[in-house]
């Protein structure tokens, strides 16, 4: 008898479309956004730089989204707004606001760390001290140099957890050449960047009470992977300056710290009062506004440092563009565009501002949830000081509730819409290889925690945590396919017997990326 893994791998090896059945109604190709229009939307988004909440770029991006929502028939559009203080310096590649010198030698900085303390034009000068996890030094009054150590319990769940099913990996950009099928076969930069970036965020939290006058992250990433790297999870403001260095410059600073050298770290900038808001809108179903209405919550975030960190908002917009053509919508779509992902302290710090906490009645008729983020991405690997496409399609993670019909629907939608390297996970269940499927990452986790039938769709990131990820790293073909799949899954939830899709109770693990485990 074949094992579960053998059966599933056999299915994955079949040509796309060979399996019978569809997740929902067949997608109408003429209603799906074209690659040309997707590029146009992303060029408009990219024109004014990173769309971080409160910036002019973000305000323009949100105006673009809201204008089109109205054009596509959305109603009861509301901004749930609140004020906050934004702290910032010059935006990469403009390094005029930040610099580092060591014993009179200028050292190239990849980026300053988000919400760090600001200095005057002279910066802060102090002796360097190298952080040691096993024997933590006294850092009071010093500039700390820290190189994150690899954390297998963070890297592996992010990039190599088990799965339910998987569509074939294919070559990129020209499809059809042989491509390795193992998840980590390309040695993508995705897991190392995730590991080092989240370690740096944790370290900032740990240093607050230790009173350094500065922190320098000597990353193990090469020059291109570190360029413009933004801090995630984004910390609340702290009072010492901090900056990122690539591997080569980090080696220089580590040697200088061991020698007891002095350095000067400068991060000039300012604070301003800004406005944040969640955008809520509805695409009405047949019973909208009545006691019989049932709602599908569709969510994404609108803030990010690169071309695709926040482009789930464009994916959601493309979904509404599609669904506006569907005249027989039995359920209403409630759209949430959240702004807190890259705000100071991230969602946790602004939980009290959540629209659904303030308006619990809005959730009374929600019966299912679907979320989309990080779309149209390319798999990158290191190439000396540069990064380059690996030649293989980047994984698309699809999360599905612990329900066999939901999992099968996700798999069929991926295959029907030609989504390559789609990895379907249902955390809390044992996967095809008999191992854990890891944490439930992304915004669809909210639905899983509430016990709703839920889908989540997102790219694997990697080269997209940094300001250096611009329109040149956008893959419109992948974006359009992911959107088409999203349309099919939304149609599936629109018409399914949701009572039959209630997920089985599972205990899926918490992500470990944001845990600081030094016990000193």
Protein backbone atom coordinates (compact mmCIF):
# COMPACT_ATOMS: atom_id res chain seq x y z
CA UNK A 1 0.00 0.00 0.00
CA UNK A 2 1.27 3.46 -0.83
CA UNK A 3 2.06 5.81 2.06
CA UNK A 4 0.31 9.16 2.41
CA UNK A 5 3.47 10.91 1.27
CA UNK A 6 3.76 8.73 -1.85
CA UNK A 7 0.15 9.38 -2.80
CA UNK A 8 0.47 13.12 -2.35
CA UNK A 9 3.78 13.37 -4.16
CA UNK A 10 2.25 11.39 -7.03
CA UNK A 11 -0.60 13.84 -7.25
CA UNK A 12 1.82 16.76 -7.16
CA UNK A 13 3.79 15.34 -10.06
CA UNK A 14 0.72 15.20 -12.33
CA UNK A 15 0.28 17.98 -14.89
CA UNK A 16 -1.71 20.93 -13.58
CA UNK A 17 -5.37 20.46 -14.32
CA UNK A 18 -5.14 16.63 -14.39
CA UNK A 19 -7.14 16.22 -11.20
CA UNK A 20 -10.89 16.49 -11.42
CA UNK A 21 -12.97 19.05 -9.58
CA UNK A 22 -12.59 22.74 -8.86
CA UNK A 23 -12.48 24.71 -5.62
CA UNK A 24 -15.23 27.01 -6.81
CA UNK A 25 -16.70 28.13 -10.09
CA UNK A 26 -14.14 28.17 -12.89
CA UNK A 27 -12.40 31.53 -13.01
CA UNK A 28 -13.41 33.76 -15.92
CA UNK A 29 -10.07 34.80 -17.48
CA UNK A 30 -11.47 38.05 -18.87
CA UNK A 31 -12.39 39.23 -15.39
CA UNK A 32 -8.93 38.62 -13.91
CA UNK A 33 -6.49 41.52 -13.86
CA UNK A 34 -3.97 41.42 -16.73
CA UNK A 35 -0.21 41.40 -16.24
CA UNK A 36 0.00 44.83 -17.87
CA UNK A 37 -2.54 46.32 -15.47
CA UNK A 38 -0.82 44.65 -12.51
CA UNK A 39 2.47 46.26 -13.54
CA UNK A 40 0.73 49.63 -13.88
CA UNK A 41 -0.76 49.38 -10.38
CA UNK A 42 2.61 48.46 -8.91
CA UNK A 43 4.41 51.25 -10.75
CA UNK A 44 1.94 53.72 -9.27
CA UNK A 45 2.57 52.27 -5.83
CA UNK A 46 6.35 52.27 -6.27
CA UNK A 47 6.60 55.83 -7.60
CA UNK A 48 6.71 57.55 -4.21
CA UNK A 49 8.77 55.03 -2.24
CA UNK A 50 7.92 52.67 0.64
CA UNK A 51 4.30 52.79 1.79
CA UNK A 52 4.92 52.99 5.53
CA UNK A 53 1.90 54.16 7.52
CA UNK A 54 1.65 57.92 7.83
CA UNK A 55 4.00 58.71 4.95
CA UNK A 56 3.00 60.60 1.83
CA UNK A 57 3.57 57.43 -0.17
CA UNK A 58 1.16 55.49 2.04
CA UNK A 59 -1.49 58.21 1.81
CA UNK A 60 -1.29 58.16 -1.99
CA UNK A 61 -1.44 54.35 -1.98
CA UNK A 62 -4.54 54.36 0.22
CA UNK A 63 -6.21 56.99 -1.96
CA UNK A 64 -5.54 54.76 -4.99
CA UNK A 65 -7.14 51.78 -3.21
CA UNK A 66 -10.18 53.70 -1.96
CA UNK A 67 -10.91 55.34 -5.30
CA UNK A 68 -11.03 52.00 -7.06
CA UNK A 69 -13.04 50.29 -4.35
CA UNK A 70 -15.76 52.86 -4.95
CA UNK A 71 -15.53 52.35 -8.71
CA UNK A 72 -15.96 48.59 -8.27
CA UNK A 73 -19.15 48.97 -6.23
CA UNK A 74 -18.00 48.84 -2.62
CA UNK A 75 -20.20 50.63 -0.08
CA UNK A 76 -20.08 51.85 3.52
CA UNK A 77 -16.39 52.67 3.18
CA UNK A 78 -15.03 53.89 6.50
CA UNK A 79 -11.69 55.08 7.85
CA UNK A 80 -11.07 54.04 11.45
CA UNK A 81 -8.36 56.59 12.25
CA UNK A 82 -6.09 57.55 15.14
CA UNK A 83 -2.99 59.77 15.56
CA UNK A 84 0.53 58.50 16.21
CA UNK A 85 4.08 59.81 16.29
CA UNK A 86 6.31 58.75 13.42
CA UNK A 87 10.10 58.77 13.89
CA UNK A 88 12.27 58.58 10.79
CA UNK A 89 15.56 59.44 9.10
CA UNK A 90 16.48 59.58 5.41
CA UNK A 91 15.13 56.71 3.31
CA UNK A 92 17.48 54.27 1.58
CA UNK A 93 19.31 54.74 -0.78
CA UNK A 94 19.59 58.28 0.61
CA UNK A 95 22.15 57.76 3.40
CA UNK A 96 22.47 61.46 4.24
CA UNK A 97 20.83 60.93 7.65
CA UNK A 98 23.03 58.09 8.90
CA UNK A 99 26.72 57.17 9.00
CA UNK A 100 29.36 55.18 10.87
CA UNK A 101 33.06 55.79 11.34
CA UNK A 102 35.56 53.66 13.23
CA UNK A 103 38.95 55.07 14.22
CA UNK A 104 38.54 57.69 11.49
CA UNK A 105 37.52 55.23 8.76
CA UNK A 106 34.08 55.48 7.14
CA UNK A 107 32.09 52.23 7.20
CA UNK A 108 29.21 51.68 4.75
CA UNK A 109 25.84 51.30 6.50
CA UNK A 110 23.12 49.16 4.90
CA UNK A 111 20.33 51.04 6.70
CA UNK A 112 19.45 52.56 10.03
CA UNK A 113 17.18 50.53 12.32
CA UNK A 114 13.52 51.52 12.51
CA UNK A 115 12.47 53.82 15.37
CA UNK A 116 15.97 54.00 16.83
CA UNK A 117 17.17 56.92 18.90
CA UNK A 118 18.21 60.03 16.99
CA UNK A 119 21.50 61.87 17.35
CA UNK A 120 22.77 65.30 16.47
CA UNK A 121 25.06 65.85 13.47
CA UNK A 122 28.05 64.70 15.49
CA UNK A 123 26.53 61.34 16.34
CA UNK A 124 27.57 59.39 19.44
CA UNK A 125 31.16 58.27 20.02
CA UNK A 126 32.00 55.37 22.31
CA UNK A 127 34.07 52.21 22.67
CA UNK A 128 32.81 49.19 20.75
CA UNK A 129 31.91 46.03 22.66
CA UNK A 130 31.11 42.68 21.04
CA UNK A 131 28.01 40.94 22.35
CA UNK A 132 28.48 37.38 23.59
CA UNK A 133 25.35 35.35 24.33
CA UNK A 134 27.23 33.04 26.69
CA UNK A 135 29.05 35.78 28.60
CA UNK A 136 27.08 39.02 28.15
CA UNK A 137 29.35 42.05 28.56
CA UNK A 138 28.58 45.31 30.33
CA UNK A 139 27.26 47.51 27.54
CA UNK A 140 26.37 50.62 29.57
CA UNK A 141 27.79 53.65 27.75
CA UNK A 142 29.20 51.58 24.86
CA UNK A 143 28.26 50.83 21.24
CA UNK A 144 27.29 47.16 21.04
CA UNK A 145 28.23 45.07 17.99
CA UNK A 146 25.96 42.06 17.56
CA UNK A 147 26.06 39.24 15.02
CA UNK A 148 22.95 37.04 15.17
CA UNK A 149 23.64 33.33 15.49
CA UNK A 150 21.66 31.04 13.16
CA UNK A 151 18.50 29.70 14.81
CA UNK A 152 17.34 26.42 13.30
CA UNK A 153 14.04 26.59 15.19
CA UNK A 154 13.31 29.88 13.37
CA UNK A 155 14.69 29.14 9.91
CA UNK A 156 13.24 25.65 9.45
CA UNK A 157 9.58 26.42 10.36
CA UNK A 158 9.69 29.48 8.09
CA UNK A 159 11.06 27.73 5.01
CA UNK A 160 10.96 23.96 5.39
CA UNK A 161 8.00 22.84 7.50
CA UNK A 162 5.97 19.87 6.39
CA UNK A 163 2.84 20.39 4.30
CA UNK A 164 -0.43 18.83 3.19
CA UNK A 165 0.12 19.01 -0.57
CA UNK A 166 2.37 20.83 -2.99
CA UNK A 167 2.19 21.75 -6.67
CA UNK A 168 5.38 21.29 -8.72
CA UNK A 169 8.20 23.77 -8.56
CA UNK A 170 8.99 25.07 -12.04
CA UNK A 171 11.81 27.02 -13.62
CA UNK A 172 11.67 30.82 -13.68
CA UNK A 173 11.33 32.98 -15.72
CA UNK A 174 11.07 30.48 -18.60
CA UNK A 175 8.87 27.60 -17.54
CA UNK A 176 9.52 24.00 -18.51
CA UNK A 177 13.18 23.44 -17.67
CA UNK A 178 13.98 20.93 -14.92
CA UNK A 179 13.80 22.45 -11.45
CA UNK A 180 14.62 20.91 -8.05
CA UNK A 181 11.52 19.90 -6.12
CA UNK A 182 12.80 20.00 -2.52
CA UNK A 183 11.66 23.12 -0.67
CA UNK A 184 15.14 24.41 0.24
CA UNK A 185 17.02 23.09 -2.80
CA UNK A 186 18.00 26.55 -4.07
CA UNK A 187 19.45 27.80 -0.76
CA UNK A 188 17.17 30.81 -1.03
CA UNK A 189 17.99 33.89 1.02
CA UNK A 190 14.43 33.78 2.45
CA UNK A 191 15.15 31.85 5.66
CA UNK A 192 18.50 33.54 6.53
CA UNK A 193 17.08 37.04 6.05
CA UNK A 194 14.01 36.17 8.16
CA UNK A 195 16.23 34.73 10.89
CA UNK A 196 18.71 37.62 11.08
CA UNK A 197 16.13 40.37 10.75
CA UNK A 198 13.87 39.02 13.50
CA UNK A 199 16.90 38.35 15.72
CA UNK A 200 17.91 42.01 15.39
CA UNK A 201 14.41 43.11 16.42
CA UNK A 202 14.52 40.86 19.48
CA UNK A 203 17.96 42.16 20.42
CA UNK A 204 16.74 45.75 20.45
CA UNK A 205 14.08 44.81 22.96
CA UNK A 206 16.64 43.07 25.14
CA UNK A 207 19.01 46.07 25.07
CA UNK A 208 16.53 48.71 26.21
CA UNK A 209 17.30 48.27 29.90
CA UNK A 210 21.06 47.77 29.45
CA UNK A 211 21.73 51.39 28.42
CA UNK A 212 24.08 51.15 25.45
CA UNK A 213 24.68 54.39 23.54
CA UNK A 214 24.32 52.56 20.23
CA UNK A 215 23.82 49.17 18.59
CA UNK A 216 25.35 47.94 15.32
CA UNK A 217 24.10 44.76 13.69
CA UNK A 218 26.96 42.94 11.96
CA UNK A 219 24.72 40.74 9.83
CA UNK A 220 25.77 37.55 8.06
CA UNK A 221 23.95 38.73 4.92
CA UNK A 222 25.80 39.91 1.84
CA UNK A 223 25.73 43.49 0.56
CA UNK A 224 22.64 43.20 -1.66
CA UNK A 225 20.57 41.21 0.84
CA UNK A 226 21.28 43.72 3.61
CA UNK A 227 20.81 46.86 1.49
CA UNK A 228 17.90 48.90 2.83
CA UNK A 229 16.83 46.16 5.28
CA UNK A 230 13.96 47.34 7.47
CA UNK A 231 13.43 46.16 11.04
CA UNK A 232 10.73 43.55 11.63
CA UNK A 233 8.98 43.05 14.01
CA UNK A 234 9.02 46.85 14.17
CA UNK A 235 9.90 48.03 17.70
CA UNK A 236 8.42 50.93 19.58
CA UNK A 237 10.81 53.93 19.69
CA UNK A 238 13.92 53.47 21.82
CA UNK A 239 16.61 55.93 22.83
CA UNK A 240 19.89 54.75 21.28
CA UNK A 241 20.84 54.86 17.56
CA UNK A 242 21.14 51.56 15.71
CA UNK A 243 22.20 50.48 12.23
CA UNK A 244 22.67 47.46 9.96
CA UNK A 245 25.91 46.38 8.27
CA UNK A 246 26.41 43.69 5.66
CA UNK A 247 28.66 40.68 6.25
CA UNK A 248 31.91 42.26 4.99
CA UNK A 249 31.53 45.53 6.89
CA UNK A 250 30.22 43.58 9.87
CA UNK A 251 33.42 41.52 9.93
CA UNK A 252 35.37 44.80 10.09
CA UNK A 253 33.34 46.04 13.06
CA UNK A 254 33.59 42.72 14.90
CA UNK A 255 37.39 42.85 14.62
CA UNK A 256 37.36 46.48 15.78
CA UNK A 257 35.18 45.61 18.78
CA UNK A 258 37.54 42.81 19.79
CA UNK A 259 40.39 45.34 19.66
CA UNK A 260 38.49 47.80 21.88
CA UNK A 261 38.26 50.45 19.15
CA UNK A 262 36.09 53.57 19.28
CA UNK A 263 33.39 54.36 16.73
CA UNK A 264 30.94 57.16 15.96
CA UNK A 265 27.38 56.26 14.99
CA UNK A 266 25.10 58.98 13.59
CA UNK A 267 21.36 58.74 12.92
CA UNK A 268 19.78 62.14 12.35
CA UNK A 269 16.07 62.51 11.79
CA UNK A 270 12.88 63.85 13.26
CA UNK A 271 9.46 63.01 14.61
CA UNK A 272 6.11 64.13 13.26
CA UNK A 273 2.47 63.65 14.10
CA UNK A 274 0.78 61.40 11.58
CA UNK A 275 -2.54 59.67 11.08
CA UNK A 276 -3.07 55.94 10.77
CA UNK A 277 -6.29 54.26 9.74
CA UNK A 278 -7.81 50.92 8.96
CA UNK A 279 -9.94 51.04 5.85
CA UNK A 280 -13.18 49.03 6.01
CA UNK A 281 -15.49 48.46 3.05
CA UNK A 282 -18.19 46.07 1.87
CA UNK A 283 -18.95 44.47 -1.46
CA UNK A 284 -22.65 43.69 -0.95
CA UNK A 285 -24.10 40.22 -1.25
CA UNK A 286 -27.73 39.43 -2.07
CA UNK A 287 -28.87 39.88 1.55
CA UNK A 288 -26.64 42.83 2.47
CA UNK A 289 -28.08 44.94 5.26
CA UNK A 290 -30.63 42.32 6.34
CA UNK A 291 -30.76 39.79 9.17
CA UNK A 292 -30.10 37.02 6.64
CA UNK A 293 -26.74 38.36 5.49
CA UNK A 294 -23.62 36.23 5.94
CA UNK A 295 -20.18 37.82 5.70
CA UNK A 296 -16.78 36.65 4.53
CA UNK A 297 -14.00 38.70 6.11
CA UNK A 298 -11.27 39.47 3.56
CA UNK A 299 -8.16 41.11 4.99
CA UNK A 300 -4.68 42.35 4.16
CA UNK A 301 -2.20 44.97 5.36
CA UNK A 302 -1.37 48.21 3.60
CA UNK A 303 2.06 49.15 4.98
CA UNK A 304 5.48 47.84 4.09
CA UNK A 305 9.04 48.67 3.09
CA UNK A 306 9.11 47.21 -0.44
CA UNK A 307 7.22 46.61 -3.67
CA UNK A 308 5.35 43.57 -2.39
CA UNK A 309 5.29 43.54 1.42
CA UNK A 310 2.02 45.46 1.31
CA UNK A 311 0.77 44.54 -2.16
CA UNK A 312 -1.84 42.20 -0.75
CA UNK A 313 -3.91 45.39 -0.89
CA UNK A 314 -3.54 45.35 -4.68
CA UNK A 315 -4.35 41.65 -4.71
CA UNK A 316 -7.49 42.31 -2.71
CA UNK A 317 -8.36 45.18 -5.04
CA UNK A 318 -7.94 42.82 -7.99
CA UNK A 319 -10.28 40.38 -6.24
CA UNK A 320 -12.96 43.06 -5.87
CA UNK A 321 -12.46 44.05 -9.50
CA UNK A 322 -13.19 40.41 -10.36
CA UNK A 323 -16.10 39.90 -7.94
CA UNK A 324 -17.79 43.06 -9.20
CA UNK A 325 -18.51 41.07 -12.38
CA UNK A 326 -20.21 38.30 -10.38
CA UNK A 327 -23.88 39.27 -10.15
CA UNK A 328 -25.12 36.40 -7.95
CA UNK A 329 -23.15 36.93 -4.76
CA UNK A 330 -24.96 35.04 -1.98
CA UNK A 331 -22.65 36.43 0.71
CA UNK A 332 -21.14 39.83 1.46
CA UNK A 333 -17.40 40.50 1.41
CA UNK A 334 -16.20 42.67 4.31
CA UNK A 335 -12.82 44.15 3.40
CA UNK A 336 -10.21 45.11 5.97
CA UNK A 337 -7.09 47.02 4.95
CA UNK A 338 -5.00 47.15 8.13
CA UNK A 339 -2.21 49.70 8.63
CA UNK A 340 -0.43 48.36 11.74
CA UNK A 341 1.99 45.74 10.39
CA UNK A 342 4.98 48.10 10.21
CA UNK A 343 3.85 50.75 12.66
CA UNK A 344 5.89 51.31 15.86
CA UNK A 345 5.34 48.21 17.98
CA UNK A 346 3.35 46.55 15.16
CA UNK A 347 -0.20 45.26 15.71
CA UNK A 348 0.34 44.45 19.38
CA UNK A 349 1.07 48.06 20.30
CA UNK A 350 -2.12 49.24 18.58
CA UNK A 351 -4.49 46.43 19.54
CA UNK A 352 -6.69 48.95 21.36
CA UNK A 353 -7.28 50.77 18.07
CA UNK A 354 -8.54 47.71 16.22
CA UNK A 355 -11.77 48.41 14.35
CA UNK A 356 -13.34 45.12 15.40
CA UNK A 357 -12.55 45.72 19.05
CA UNK A 358 -14.31 49.08 18.83
CA UNK A 359 -17.14 47.70 16.68
CA UNK A 360 -17.73 44.08 17.79
CA UNK A 361 -21.12 44.12 16.11
CA UNK A 362 -19.33 44.16 12.75
CA UNK A 363 -18.27 40.56 13.40
CA UNK A 364 -21.68 39.23 14.35
CA UNK A 365 -22.39 37.80 10.87
CA UNK A 366 -18.85 36.84 9.83
CA UNK A 367 -18.80 33.16 8.85
CA UNK A 368 -15.40 32.71 7.14
CA UNK A 369 -12.10 34.51 6.57
CA UNK A 370 -9.53 34.77 3.81
CA UNK A 371 -6.32 36.83 3.74
CA UNK A 372 -3.76 37.68 1.09
CA UNK A 373 -0.31 39.29 1.28
CA UNK A 374 3.19 39.33 -0.27
CA UNK A 375 2.44 38.57 -3.91
CA UNK A 376 4.33 38.40 -7.22
CA UNK A 377 7.70 37.54 -5.71
CA UNK A 378 10.86 35.94 -7.09
CA UNK A 379 13.19 33.43 -5.44
CA UNK A 380 16.65 34.98 -4.85
CA UNK A 381 20.01 33.50 -3.89
CA UNK A 382 23.36 35.07 -3.07
CA UNK A 383 25.80 35.72 -5.91
CA UNK A 384 28.96 37.20 -4.42
CA UNK A 385 28.03 40.64 -3.12
CA UNK A 386 24.84 40.59 -5.20
CA UNK A 387 21.65 38.54 -5.22
CA UNK A 388 20.11 36.99 -8.32
CA UNK A 389 17.03 34.91 -9.20
CA UNK A 390 17.61 31.25 -8.43
CA UNK A 391 15.96 30.13 -11.66
CA UNK A 392 13.10 28.50 -9.80
CA UNK A 393 9.66 29.80 -8.88
CA UNK A 394 9.29 31.19 -5.36
CA UNK A 395 6.96 29.24 -3.06
CA UNK A 396 3.43 30.46 -2.50
CA UNK A 397 2.23 29.47 0.95
CA UNK A 398 -1.44 28.59 1.21
CA UNK A 399 -2.87 28.06 4.68
CA UNK A 400 -6.12 26.15 5.07
CA UNK A 401 -8.25 25.25 8.06
CA UNK A 402 -8.02 21.74 9.53
CA UNK A 403 -10.80 20.48 7.29
CA UNK A 404 -10.25 18.01 4.43
CA UNK A 405 -12.60 19.85 2.09
CA UNK A 406 -10.83 23.18 2.72
CA UNK A 407 -7.42 21.61 2.10
CA UNK A 408 -8.62 19.94 -1.10
CA UNK A 409 -10.17 23.22 -2.27
CA UNK A 410 -6.87 25.06 -1.78
CA UNK A 411 -4.97 22.41 -3.71
CA UNK A 412 -7.42 22.33 -6.59
CA UNK A 413 -7.53 26.14 -6.85
CA UNK A 414 -3.72 26.28 -7.02
CA UNK A 415 -3.60 23.66 -9.75
CA UNK A 416 -6.50 25.08 -11.73
CA UNK A 417 -4.88 28.53 -11.84
CA UNK A 418 -1.35 27.31 -12.57
CA UNK A 419 0.16 28.49 -9.28
CA UNK A 420 3.60 26.92 -9.24
CA UNK A 421 5.33 25.83 -6.04
CA UNK A 422 2.14 26.20 -4.01
CA UNK A 423 2.72 24.72 -0.57
CA UNK A 424 -0.58 23.99 1.21
CA UNK A 425 -0.28 23.87 4.99
CA UNK A 426 -2.76 23.22 7.77
CA UNK A 427 -0.79 23.83 10.98
CA UNK A 428 -1.69 21.61 13.90
CA UNK A 429 -1.99 18.54 11.68
CA UNK A 430 0.77 16.08 10.81
CA UNK A 431 2.00 16.71 7.27
CA UNK A 432 2.66 14.50 4.26
CA UNK A 433 6.11 13.53 5.61
CA UNK A 434 4.87 12.78 9.12
CA UNK A 435 6.23 16.03 10.59
CA UNK A 436 4.88 19.31 11.93
CA UNK A 437 3.53 21.87 9.49
CA UNK A 438 4.94 24.69 11.58
CA UNK A 439 3.25 27.88 12.79
CA UNK A 440 0.37 29.58 11.00
CA UNK A 441 2.02 32.69 9.57
CA UNK A 442 0.24 35.75 8.23
CA UNK A 443 -3.04 37.58 8.62
CA UNK A 444 -5.25 34.53 8.11
CA UNK A 445 -4.04 33.27 11.51
CA UNK A 446 -6.72 35.56 12.97
CA UNK A 447 -9.45 33.41 11.42
CA UNK A 448 -7.84 30.20 12.62
CA UNK A 449 -7.74 31.53 16.18
CA UNK A 450 -11.44 32.40 15.94
CA UNK A 451 -12.36 28.94 14.66
CA UNK A 452 -13.58 30.21 11.27
CA UNK A 453 -13.11 28.38 7.99
CA UNK A 454 -10.01 30.23 6.79
CA UNK A 455 -7.61 30.48 3.87
CA UNK A 456 -4.37 32.44 3.73
CA UNK A 457 -2.25 33.17 0.66
CA UNK A 458 1.23 34.72 0.79
CA UNK A 459 4.64 34.67 -0.84
CA UNK A 460 7.80 33.41 0.87
CA UNK A 461 9.45 36.88 0.96
CA UNK A 462 13.25 36.70 1.14
CA UNK A 463 14.38 39.71 -0.90
CA UNK A 464 11.35 41.80 0.08
CA UNK A 465 12.02 42.96 3.65
CA UNK A 466 14.17 45.82 2.35
CA UNK A 467 13.71 49.20 0.66
CA UNK A 468 15.95 47.88 -2.14
CA UNK A 469 13.10 45.63 -3.38
CA UNK A 470 11.54 47.84 -6.06
CA UNK A 471 9.54 47.28 -9.23
CA UNK A 472 12.46 45.35 -10.77
CA UNK A 473 11.75 42.51 -8.32
CA UNK A 474 8.04 42.26 -9.15
CA UNK A 475 6.79 39.16 -11.01
CA UNK A 476 3.44 40.05 -12.67
CA UNK A 477 2.84 36.52 -13.95
CA UNK A 478 2.96 35.08 -10.45
CA UNK A 479 0.80 37.93 -9.13
CA UNK A 480 -1.95 37.31 -11.69
CA UNK A 481 -1.99 33.58 -11.02
CA UNK A 482 -2.15 34.11 -7.26
CA UNK A 483 -5.01 36.58 -7.70
CA UNK A 484 -6.90 34.11 -9.91
CA UNK A 485 -6.49 31.43 -7.24
CA UNK A 486 -7.67 33.90 -4.60
CA UNK A 487 -10.77 34.62 -6.70
CA UNK A 488 -11.56 30.92 -6.95
CA UNK A 489 -11.14 30.33 -3.21
CA UNK A 490 -13.31 33.36 -2.42
CA UNK A 491 -16.00 32.04 -4.76
CA UNK A 492 -15.73 28.68 -3.01
CA UNK A 493 -16.41 30.31 0.38
CA UNK A 494 -19.12 32.44 -1.20
CA UNK A 495 -21.17 29.36 -2.15
CA UNK A 496 -20.12 26.55 0.22
CA UNK A 497 -22.07 25.14 3.14
CA UNK A 498 -19.92 26.86 5.74
CA UNK A 499 -21.37 24.85 8.61
CA UNK A 500 -19.80 21.76 7.02
CA UNK A 501 -16.40 23.50 6.81
CA UNK A 502 -15.92 24.17 10.51
CA UNK A 503 -12.30 23.28 11.24
CA UNK A 504 -11.37 20.52 13.62
CA UNK A 505 -9.78 21.82 16.85
CA UNK A 506 -5.98 21.84 16.57
CA UNK A 507 -3.15 23.21 18.67
CA UNK A 508 -0.82 24.85 16.17
CA UNK A 509 2.49 26.21 17.50
CA UNK A 510 3.38 29.82 18.12
CA UNK A 511 6.04 31.34 15.83
CA UNK A 512 9.42 31.35 17.58
CA UNK A 513 11.01 34.09 15.47
CA UNK A 514 10.25 36.82 17.98
CA UNK A 515 11.42 34.97 21.10
CA UNK A 516 14.52 36.20 22.89
CA UNK A 517 16.04 33.20 24.63
CA UNK A 518 19.24 34.49 26.24
CA UNK A 519 18.77 33.87 29.96
CA UNK A 520 21.24 36.45 31.23
